[in-house]
Amino acid sequence: MQDYNYVWTNCFEITLELSCCKYPPTSELQQEWENNRDSLLAFIEQVHIGVKGFVRDAVTGAGLENATIVVAGIAHNITAGK
């Protein structure tokens, strides 16, 4: 689903795996949080880096639907929504 969403909906999803144990015992959950807390918070701080906004016509200011946004050095174009 992550690949589909990235390519077709411009939604970038991630999966975070904290350990190799899929179902850690309840008694270990606090330690897993402590082991990964700083990394998770550092990741969250980076979430809004980049460009965001609306694509508008330079003359009328009207929103442009389905405009293609190309960034040099990134091999995946983004298409503006409605």
Protein backbone atom coordinates (compact mmCIF):
# COMPACT_ATOMS: atom_id res chain seq x y z
CA MET A 1 0.00 0.00 0.00
CA GLN A 2 2.88 2.38 0.70
CA ASP A 3 4.20 2.19 -2.87
CA TYR A 4 0.72 2.65 -4.34
CA ASN A 5 0.00 5.69 -2.17
CA TYR A 6 3.36 7.30 -2.98
CA VAL A 7 2.98 6.87 -6.74
CA TRP A 8 -0.74 7.54 -7.17
CA THR A 9 -1.86 9.80 -4.29
CA ASN A 10 1.32 11.75 -3.36
CA CYS A 11 0.99 10.34 0.16
CA PHE A 12 4.25 9.18 1.70
CA GLU A 13 3.61 6.47 4.30
CA ILE A 14 6.22 4.78 6.43
CA THR A 15 6.42 1.72 8.65
CA LEU A 16 8.55 1.90 11.78
CA GLU A 17 9.82 -1.33 13.24
CA LEU A 18 11.35 -0.93 16.66
CA SER A 19 12.81 -4.39 17.13
CA CYS A 20 12.98 -7.79 15.48
CA CYS A 21 10.29 -9.04 17.89
CA LYS A 22 6.84 -8.60 16.35
CA TYR A 23 4.99 -9.06 19.65
CA PRO A 24 7.22 -7.95 22.53
CA PRO A 25 6.01 -8.81 26.03
CA THR A 26 4.18 -6.00 27.81
CA SER A 27 6.96 -5.85 30.35
CA GLU A 28 9.41 -4.77 27.58
CA LEU A 29 7.32 -2.02 25.98
CA GLN A 30 8.59 0.75 28.24
CA GLN A 31 12.19 -0.17 27.40
CA GLU A 32 11.37 -0.23 23.65
CA TRP A 33 9.96 3.30 23.98
CA GLU A 34 13.06 4.48 25.84
CA ASN A 35 15.36 2.84 23.26
CA ASN A 36 13.63 4.59 20.36
CA ARG A 37 12.22 7.81 21.82
CA ASP A 38 15.00 10.18 20.71
CA SER A 39 15.08 8.75 17.18
CA LEU A 40 11.31 8.98 16.82
CA LEU A 41 11.24 12.59 18.04
CA ALA A 42 14.10 13.52 15.69
CA PHE A 43 12.16 11.97 12.80
CA ILE A 44 8.99 13.88 13.71
CA GLU A 45 10.97 17.14 13.72
CA GLN A 46 11.91 16.50 10.07
CA VAL A 47 8.37 15.80 8.84
CA HIS A 48 7.60 19.29 7.57
CA ILE A 49 10.87 19.91 5.73
CA GLY A 50 10.17 20.51 2.08
CA VAL A 51 7.72 22.50 0.03
CA LYS A 52 4.00 22.70 0.65
CA GLY A 53 1.29 24.99 -0.55
CA PHE A 54 -1.01 25.66 -3.47
CA VAL A 55 -0.28 25.75 -7.21
CA ARG A 56 -1.87 28.90 -8.63
CA ASP A 57 -2.05 30.64 -11.98
CA ALA A 58 0.44 33.54 -12.02
CA VAL A 59 -2.06 35.94 -13.64
CA THR A 60 -5.47 35.07 -12.17
CA GLY A 61 -4.39 33.44 -8.90
CA ALA A 62 -6.83 30.60 -9.55
CA GLY A 63 -5.83 27.17 -8.30
CA LEU A 64 -4.35 24.87 -10.95
CA GLU A 65 -5.68 21.35 -10.89
CA ASN A 66 -3.45 18.45 -12.01
CA ALA A 67 -0.34 20.64 -12.40
CA THR A 68 2.88 18.61 -12.55
CA ILE A 69 5.53 19.65 -10.05
CA VAL A 70 9.08 18.71 -11.04
CA VAL A 71 12.04 18.99 -8.66
CA ALA A 72 15.56 18.69 -10.09
CA GLY A 73 17.35 15.66 -8.70
CA ILE A 74 14.18 13.80 -7.65
CA ALA A 75 12.96 11.16 -10.08
CA HIS A 76 9.32 11.30 -8.95
CA ASN A 77 7.07 14.12 -10.10
CA ILE A 78 4.10 15.23 -8.03
CA THR A 79 0.71 16.12 -9.48
CA ALA A 80 -1.32 18.82 -7.72
CA GLY A 81 -4.77 17.86 -6.52
CA LYS A 82 -8.01 19.77 -6.84
